Amino acid sequence: MAIRCVYVEARLGTRAVRIGQTEDLLQRVRRFESRHLPIEVILYGECITWEAAPETAEAKIFRLLADIHLARHNPGLYVQLPTYDWYLPDRHRILNAFSRLCNGEFPLLRGFYRMPLFERLTKIYPPLGRYSA
């Protein structure tokens, strides 16, 4: 059985993470890797059973992380990456965004899980102001 989820992936050596949603994480990773470079899933959130939950959760994550969208902070790297959904690897903001989708009046995630490389491939950025990527 596939797990419907929202996930964060990273490429080793790239100071950016990508956000996405899927019903079959392993298939999605294989498909992306076959077109681009190898990636590591570093965090994923399991969606509730509501049919539109993955799409809604992904859209909310995009809004919650809009201030760390890679295009705003490192446009040179952003244009080199294959898709539009890349963000700074800001550990606290990512964890906060996923936590917010687990809590509240209408949660979209049952929980989220950090993979072993999460700490290594993310970092702590200053709370306000412009980032240096």
N, C-alpha and C. Protein backbone atom coordinates (compact mmCIF):
# COMPACT_ATOMS: atom_id res chain seq x y z
N MET A 1 0.84 -1.19 0.00
CA MET A 1 0.00 0.00 0.00
C MET A 1 0.88 1.25 0.00
N ALA A 2 0.58 2.17 -0.86
CA ALA A 2 1.34 3.41 -0.96
C ALA A 2 0.90 4.38 0.13
N ILE A 3 1.84 5.17 0.58
CA ILE A 3 1.56 6.20 1.58
C ILE A 3 1.45 7.54 0.86
N ARG A 4 0.33 8.17 0.99
CA ARG A 4 0.16 9.50 0.41
C ARG A 4 0.89 10.48 1.32
N CYS A 5 1.81 11.23 0.75
CA CYS A 5 2.63 12.08 1.60
C CYS A 5 3.10 13.35 0.91
N VAL A 6 3.56 14.26 1.75
CA VAL A 6 4.29 15.45 1.33
C VAL A 6 5.71 15.21 1.80
N TYR A 7 6.69 15.54 0.97
CA TYR A 7 8.07 15.17 1.31
C TYR A 7 9.03 16.31 1.04
N VAL A 8 10.23 16.19 1.62
CA VAL A 8 11.33 17.11 1.38
C VAL A 8 12.49 16.24 0.91
N GLU A 9 13.09 16.63 -0.20
CA GLU A 9 14.22 15.88 -0.73
C GLU A 9 15.38 16.83 -0.95
N ALA A 10 16.58 16.28 -0.99
CA ALA A 10 17.78 17.08 -1.18
C ALA A 10 18.74 16.32 -2.09
N ARG A 11 19.58 17.10 -2.77
CA ARG A 11 20.67 16.52 -3.55
C ARG A 11 21.95 16.80 -2.79
N LEU A 12 22.76 15.79 -2.61
CA LEU A 12 24.04 15.99 -1.94
C LEU A 12 24.86 17.01 -2.70
N GLY A 13 25.46 17.92 -1.99
CA GLY A 13 26.28 18.95 -2.60
C GLY A 13 25.52 20.18 -3.07
N THR A 14 24.21 20.19 -2.93
CA THR A 14 23.38 21.34 -3.32
C THR A 14 22.78 21.93 -2.06
N ARG A 15 22.92 23.21 -1.88
CA ARG A 15 22.39 23.87 -0.70
C ARG A 15 20.94 24.29 -0.94
N ALA A 16 20.10 23.29 -1.20
CA ALA A 16 18.68 23.52 -1.46
C ALA A 16 17.93 22.23 -1.21
N VAL A 17 16.64 22.37 -0.90
CA VAL A 17 15.75 21.22 -0.75
C VAL A 17 14.54 21.42 -1.65
N ARG A 18 13.94 20.32 -2.02
CA ARG A 18 12.77 20.36 -2.90
C ARG A 18 11.58 19.79 -2.14
N ILE A 19 10.43 20.41 -2.33
CA ILE A 19 9.19 19.98 -1.68
C ILE A 19 8.30 19.35 -2.75
N GLY A 20 7.60 18.29 -2.38
CA GLY A 20 6.67 17.67 -3.32
C GLY A 20 5.63 16.84 -2.59
N GLN A 21 4.72 16.25 -3.35
CA GLN A 21 3.71 15.35 -2.79
C GLN A 21 3.51 14.20 -3.76
N THR A 22 3.15 13.06 -3.21
CA THR A 22 2.98 11.87 -4.05
C THR A 22 2.17 10.81 -3.32
N GLU A 23 1.73 9.84 -4.07
CA GLU A 23 1.08 8.67 -3.47
C GLU A 23 2.04 7.50 -3.37
N ASP A 24 3.15 7.56 -4.08
CA ASP A 24 4.13 6.48 -4.05
C ASP A 24 5.52 7.12 -4.03
N LEU A 25 6.06 7.30 -2.84
CA LEU A 25 7.31 8.02 -2.67
C LEU A 25 8.48 7.34 -3.37
N LEU A 26 8.59 6.05 -3.26
CA LEU A 26 9.70 5.34 -3.89
C LEU A 26 9.67 5.49 -5.41
N GLN A 27 8.50 5.35 -6.00
CA GLN A 27 8.37 5.52 -7.45
C GLN A 27 8.71 6.95 -7.86
N ARG A 28 8.26 7.92 -7.07
CA ARG A 28 8.52 9.33 -7.37
C ARG A 28 10.03 9.63 -7.35
N VAL A 29 10.71 9.10 -6.33
CA VAL A 29 12.16 9.30 -6.22
C VAL A 29 12.87 8.68 -7.41
N ARG A 30 12.51 7.47 -7.75
CA ARG A 30 13.14 6.80 -8.90
C ARG A 30 12.92 7.57 -10.20
N ARG A 31 11.71 8.08 -10.40
CA ARG A 31 11.40 8.83 -11.61
C ARG A 31 12.22 10.12 -11.66
N PHE A 32 12.30 10.84 -10.54
CA PHE A 32 13.06 12.09 -10.51
C PHE A 32 14.54 11.81 -10.74
N GLU A 33 15.07 10.77 -10.09
CA GLU A 33 16.49 10.43 -10.25
C GLU A 33 16.82 10.01 -11.68
N SER A 34 15.89 9.35 -12.35
CA SER A 34 16.18 8.93 -13.72
C SER A 34 16.26 10.12 -14.66
N ARG A 35 15.57 11.20 -14.35
CA ARG A 35 15.61 12.39 -15.19
C ARG A 35 16.70 13.37 -14.78
N HIS A 36 17.06 13.37 -13.52
CA HIS A 36 17.97 14.37 -12.97
C HIS A 36 19.09 13.67 -12.19
N LEU A 37 19.54 14.28 -11.16
CA LEU A 37 20.61 13.70 -10.34
C LEU A 37 20.04 12.94 -9.15
N PRO A 38 20.84 12.09 -8.51
CA PRO A 38 20.36 11.36 -7.34
C PRO A 38 19.93 12.31 -6.22
N ILE A 39 18.88 11.92 -5.53
CA ILE A 39 18.35 12.71 -4.43
C ILE A 39 18.14 11.82 -3.20
N GLU A 40 18.00 12.47 -2.07
CA GLU A 40 17.69 11.78 -0.81
C GLU A 40 16.44 12.39 -0.23
N VAL A 41 15.47 11.56 0.14
CA VAL A 41 14.30 12.06 0.87
C VAL A 41 14.76 12.23 2.30
N ILE A 42 14.60 13.45 2.84
CA ILE A 42 15.11 13.73 4.18
C ILE A 42 14.00 13.91 5.20
N LEU A 43 12.76 14.06 4.74
CA LEU A 43 11.62 14.20 5.65
C LEU A 43 10.36 13.92 4.84
N TYR A 44 9.39 13.27 5.46
CA TYR A 44 8.09 13.12 4.79
C TYR A 44 6.99 13.16 5.82
N GLY A 45 5.86 13.68 5.40
CA GLY A 45 4.68 13.76 6.25
C GLY A 45 3.57 12.91 5.68
N GLU A 46 3.00 12.04 6.51
CA GLU A 46 1.92 11.16 6.07
C GLU A 46 0.60 11.91 6.11
N CYS A 47 -0.07 11.97 4.97
CA CYS A 47 -1.32 12.72 4.86
C CYS A 47 -2.49 11.96 5.46
N ILE A 48 -3.50 12.71 5.89
CA ILE A 48 -4.74 12.11 6.36
C ILE A 48 -5.45 11.49 5.16
N THR A 49 -6.55 10.81 5.39
CA THR A 49 -7.21 10.06 4.32
C THR A 49 -8.06 10.90 3.38
N TRP A 50 -8.31 12.15 3.71
CA TRP A 50 -9.08 13.02 2.82
C TRP A 50 -8.43 13.03 1.45
N GLU A 51 -9.20 12.86 0.41
CA GLU A 51 -8.67 12.65 -0.94
C GLU A 51 -7.75 13.77 -1.42
N ALA A 52 -8.08 15.01 -1.17
CA ALA A 52 -7.27 16.13 -1.65
C ALA A 52 -6.19 16.55 -0.66
N ALA A 53 -5.98 15.79 0.39
CA ALA A 53 -5.01 16.17 1.43
C ALA A 53 -3.59 16.38 0.90
N PRO A 54 -3.04 15.51 0.05
CA PRO A 54 -1.66 15.75 -0.42
C PRO A 54 -1.51 17.06 -1.19
N GLU A 55 -2.43 17.33 -2.09
CA GLU A 55 -2.34 18.57 -2.87
C GLU A 55 -2.53 19.79 -1.97
N THR A 56 -3.47 19.72 -1.05
CA THR A 56 -3.72 20.83 -0.13
C THR A 56 -2.53 21.03 0.80
N ALA A 57 -1.98 19.95 1.31
CA ALA A 57 -0.82 20.04 2.21
C ALA A 57 0.38 20.62 1.47
N GLU A 58 0.61 20.18 0.25
CA GLU A 58 1.73 20.71 -0.53
C GLU A 58 1.56 22.21 -0.76
N ALA A 59 0.36 22.64 -1.12
CA ALA A 59 0.11 24.07 -1.36
C ALA A 59 0.34 24.88 -0.08
N LYS A 60 -0.09 24.34 1.05
CA LYS A 60 0.13 25.05 2.32
C LYS A 60 1.61 25.11 2.68
N ILE A 61 2.33 24.04 2.44
CA ILE A 61 3.78 24.04 2.69
C ILE A 61 4.44 25.10 1.82
N PHE A 62 4.06 25.16 0.54
CA PHE A 62 4.61 26.19 -0.35
C PHE A 62 4.36 27.59 0.21
N ARG A 63 3.15 27.85 0.70
CA ARG A 63 2.84 29.17 1.26
C ARG A 63 3.62 29.42 2.54
N LEU A 64 3.72 28.41 3.41
CA LEU A 64 4.44 28.59 4.67
C LEU A 64 5.93 28.82 4.47
N LEU A 65 6.47 28.28 3.39
CA LEU A 65 7.91 28.41 3.14
C LEU A 65 8.23 29.44 2.04
N ALA A 66 7.26 30.24 1.65
CA ALA A 66 7.47 31.21 0.57
C ALA A 66 8.64 32.14 0.85
N ASP A 67 8.86 32.49 2.11
CA ASP A 67 9.95 33.43 2.42
C ASP A 67 11.33 32.80 2.30
N ILE A 68 11.41 31.48 2.14
CA ILE A 68 12.72 30.84 1.93
C ILE A 68 12.81 30.18 0.55
N HIS A 69 11.92 30.58 -0.38
CA HIS A 69 11.98 30.04 -1.73
C HIS A 69 13.34 30.39 -2.32
N LEU A 70 13.98 29.44 -2.94
CA LEU A 70 15.35 29.60 -3.43
C LEU A 70 15.48 30.73 -4.45
N ALA A 71 14.46 30.97 -5.23
CA ALA A 71 14.52 32.05 -6.23
C ALA A 71 14.76 33.41 -5.59
N ARG A 72 14.31 33.59 -4.36
CA ARG A 72 14.48 34.87 -3.65
C ARG A 72 15.87 35.03 -3.06
N HIS A 73 16.53 33.92 -2.74
CA HIS A 73 17.78 33.98 -1.99
C HIS A 73 19.02 33.56 -2.76
N ASN A 74 18.85 32.73 -3.75
CA ASN A 74 19.99 32.28 -4.55
C ASN A 74 19.52 32.03 -5.99
N PRO A 75 19.21 33.11 -6.74
CA PRO A 75 18.68 32.94 -8.08
C PRO A 75 19.62 32.19 -9.03
N GLY A 76 20.92 32.34 -8.83
CA GLY A 76 21.88 31.63 -9.68
C GLY A 76 21.75 30.12 -9.57
N LEU A 77 21.64 29.63 -8.36
CA LEU A 77 21.44 28.19 -8.14
C LEU A 77 20.05 27.78 -8.59
N TYR A 78 19.06 28.60 -8.31
CA TYR A 78 17.68 28.28 -8.65
C TYR A 78 17.51 27.99 -10.14
N VAL A 79 18.12 28.78 -11.00
CA VAL A 79 17.95 28.57 -12.44
C VAL A 79 18.69 27.32 -12.93
N GLN A 80 19.62 26.81 -12.15
CA GLN A 80 20.34 25.60 -12.54
C GLN A 80 19.58 24.32 -12.16
N LEU A 81 18.61 24.43 -11.27
CA LEU A 81 17.88 23.26 -10.80
C LEU A 81 16.70 22.95 -11.72
N PRO A 82 16.32 21.68 -11.82
CA PRO A 82 15.38 21.26 -12.85
C PRO A 82 13.91 21.64 -12.65
N THR A 83 13.47 21.96 -11.44
CA THR A 83 12.06 22.28 -11.21
C THR A 83 11.95 23.57 -10.41
N TYR A 84 10.76 24.04 -10.19
CA TYR A 84 10.52 25.33 -9.53
C TYR A 84 10.40 25.26 -8.01
N ASP A 85 10.28 24.11 -7.44
CA ASP A 85 9.90 23.95 -6.03
C ASP A 85 11.09 23.70 -5.10
N TRP A 86 12.11 24.55 -5.19
CA TRP A 86 13.31 24.44 -4.38
C TRP A 86 13.36 25.55 -3.34
N TYR A 87 13.84 25.21 -2.16
CA TYR A 87 13.86 26.13 -1.02
C TYR A 87 15.21 26.06 -0.32
N LEU A 88 15.49 27.08 0.48
CA LEU A 88 16.67 27.00 1.34
C LEU A 88 16.49 25.85 2.32
N PRO A 89 17.53 25.16 2.68
CA PRO A 89 17.41 24.03 3.61
C PRO A 89 17.34 24.50 5.07
N ASP A 90 16.35 25.32 5.38
CA ASP A 90 16.18 25.92 6.70
C ASP A 90 15.47 24.94 7.64
N ARG A 91 16.22 24.32 8.49
CA ARG A 91 15.73 23.26 9.37
C ARG A 91 14.51 23.69 10.19
N HIS A 92 14.61 24.84 10.85
CA HIS A 92 13.52 25.27 11.74
C HIS A 92 12.25 25.60 10.97
N ARG A 93 12.36 26.28 9.86
CA ARG A 93 11.17 26.64 9.10
C ARG A 93 10.49 25.41 8.49
N ILE A 94 11.27 24.47 8.03
CA ILE A 94 10.70 23.24 7.47
C ILE A 94 9.97 22.47 8.56
N LEU A 95 10.61 22.27 9.69
CA LEU A 95 9.96 21.54 10.79
C LEU A 95 8.72 22.27 11.28
N ASN A 96 8.79 23.60 11.36
CA ASN A 96 7.63 24.38 11.80
C ASN A 96 6.47 24.22 10.81
N ALA A 97 6.75 24.27 9.52
CA ALA A 97 5.70 24.14 8.50
C ALA A 97 5.03 22.77 8.60
N PHE A 98 5.82 21.72 8.73
CA PHE A 98 5.23 20.38 8.83
C PHE A 98 4.47 20.22 10.15
N SER A 99 4.96 20.81 11.22
CA SER A 99 4.25 20.75 12.50
C SER A 99 2.90 21.43 12.40
N ARG A 100 2.86 22.56 11.73
CA ARG A 100 1.60 23.29 11.58
C ARG A 100 0.57 22.49 10.81
N LEU A 101 1.01 21.65 9.88
CA LEU A 101 0.07 20.82 9.13
C LEU A 101 -0.42 19.62 9.93
N CYS A 102 0.26 19.30 11.02
CA CYS A 102 -0.18 18.22 11.90
C CYS A 102 -1.15 18.71 12.97
N ASN A 103 -1.08 19.98 13.30
CA ASN A 103 -1.87 20.55 14.39
C ASN A 103 -2.91 21.52 13.83
N GLY A 104 -3.68 22.06 14.69
CA GLY A 104 -4.66 23.06 14.27
C GLY A 104 -6.05 22.49 14.16
N GLU A 105 -6.93 23.34 13.68
CA GLU A 105 -8.34 22.99 13.60
C GLU A 105 -8.61 21.88 12.58
N PHE A 106 -7.86 21.90 11.47
CA PHE A 106 -8.04 20.90 10.42
C PHE A 106 -6.69 20.37 9.97
N PRO A 107 -6.12 19.41 10.69
CA PRO A 107 -4.79 18.90 10.32
C PRO A 107 -4.84 18.14 9.00
N LEU A 108 -3.76 18.27 8.23
CA LEU A 108 -3.64 17.57 6.95
C LEU A 108 -2.66 16.41 7.01
N LEU A 109 -1.82 16.39 8.03
CA LEU A 109 -0.84 15.31 8.19
C LEU A 109 -1.09 14.56 9.49
N ARG A 110 -0.90 13.25 9.46
CA ARG A 110 -0.98 12.44 10.68
C ARG A 110 0.29 12.59 11.51
N GLY A 111 1.37 12.84 10.84
CA GLY A 111 2.67 12.98 11.48
C GLY A 111 3.72 13.14 10.40
N PHE A 112 4.93 13.44 10.83
CA PHE A 112 6.01 13.53 9.86
C PHE A 112 7.26 12.88 10.45
N TYR A 113 8.14 12.46 9.57
CA TYR A 113 9.27 11.64 9.97
C TYR A 113 10.55 12.17 9.34
N ARG A 114 11.54 12.41 10.18
CA ARG A 114 12.86 12.84 9.70
C ARG A 114 13.68 11.61 9.34
N MET A 115 14.35 11.68 8.23
CA MET A 115 15.23 10.61 7.82
C MET A 115 16.64 10.91 8.35
N PRO A 116 17.53 9.93 8.35
CA PRO A 116 18.86 10.12 8.95
C PRO A 116 19.66 11.30 8.41
N LEU A 117 19.51 11.66 7.15
CA LEU A 117 20.30 12.76 6.58
C LEU A 117 19.68 14.14 6.79
N PHE A 118 18.54 14.22 7.46
CA PHE A 118 17.87 15.51 7.62
C PHE A 118 18.77 16.55 8.29
N GLU A 119 19.37 16.20 9.40
CA GLU A 119 20.22 17.15 10.12
C GLU A 119 21.44 17.56 9.30
N ARG A 120 21.99 16.62 8.57
CA ARG A 120 23.20 16.89 7.79
C ARG A 120 22.92 17.80 6.58
N LEU A 121 21.76 17.65 5.97
CA LEU A 121 21.46 18.37 4.74
C LEU A 121 20.62 19.63 4.95
N THR A 122 20.32 19.95 6.19
CA THR A 122 19.65 21.21 6.50
C THR A 122 20.53 21.98 7.46
N LYS A 123 20.22 23.26 7.65
CA LYS A 123 20.98 24.04 8.60
C LYS A 123 20.08 25.07 9.25
N ILE A 124 20.60 25.73 10.26
CA ILE A 124 19.84 26.74 10.97
C ILE A 124 20.19 28.11 10.39
N TYR A 125 19.18 28.81 9.91
CA TYR A 125 19.35 30.14 9.34
C TYR A 125 18.89 31.19 10.36
N PRO A 126 19.33 32.43 10.19
CA PRO A 126 18.86 33.49 11.10
C PRO A 126 17.35 33.68 10.97
N PRO A 127 16.68 34.12 12.03
CA PRO A 127 15.22 34.22 12.00
C PRO A 127 14.67 35.27 11.05
N LEU A 128 15.34 36.38 10.88
CA LEU A 128 14.82 37.44 10.00
C LEU A 128 15.92 37.94 9.09
N GLY A 129 15.50 38.70 8.09
CA GLY A 129 16.48 39.31 7.21
C GLY A 129 16.83 38.44 6.02
N ARG A 130 17.75 38.93 5.26
CA ARG A 130 18.18 38.23 4.04
C ARG A 130 19.19 37.14 4.40
N TYR A 131 19.03 36.01 3.75
CA TYR A 131 19.93 34.87 3.98
C TYR A 131 21.12 34.96 3.06
N SER A 132 22.20 34.39 3.50
CA SER A 132 23.34 34.21 2.58
C SER A 132 23.42 32.72 2.28
N ALA A 133 23.13 32.36 1.07
CA ALA A 133 23.09 30.95 0.70
C ALA A 133 24.39 30.45 0.27
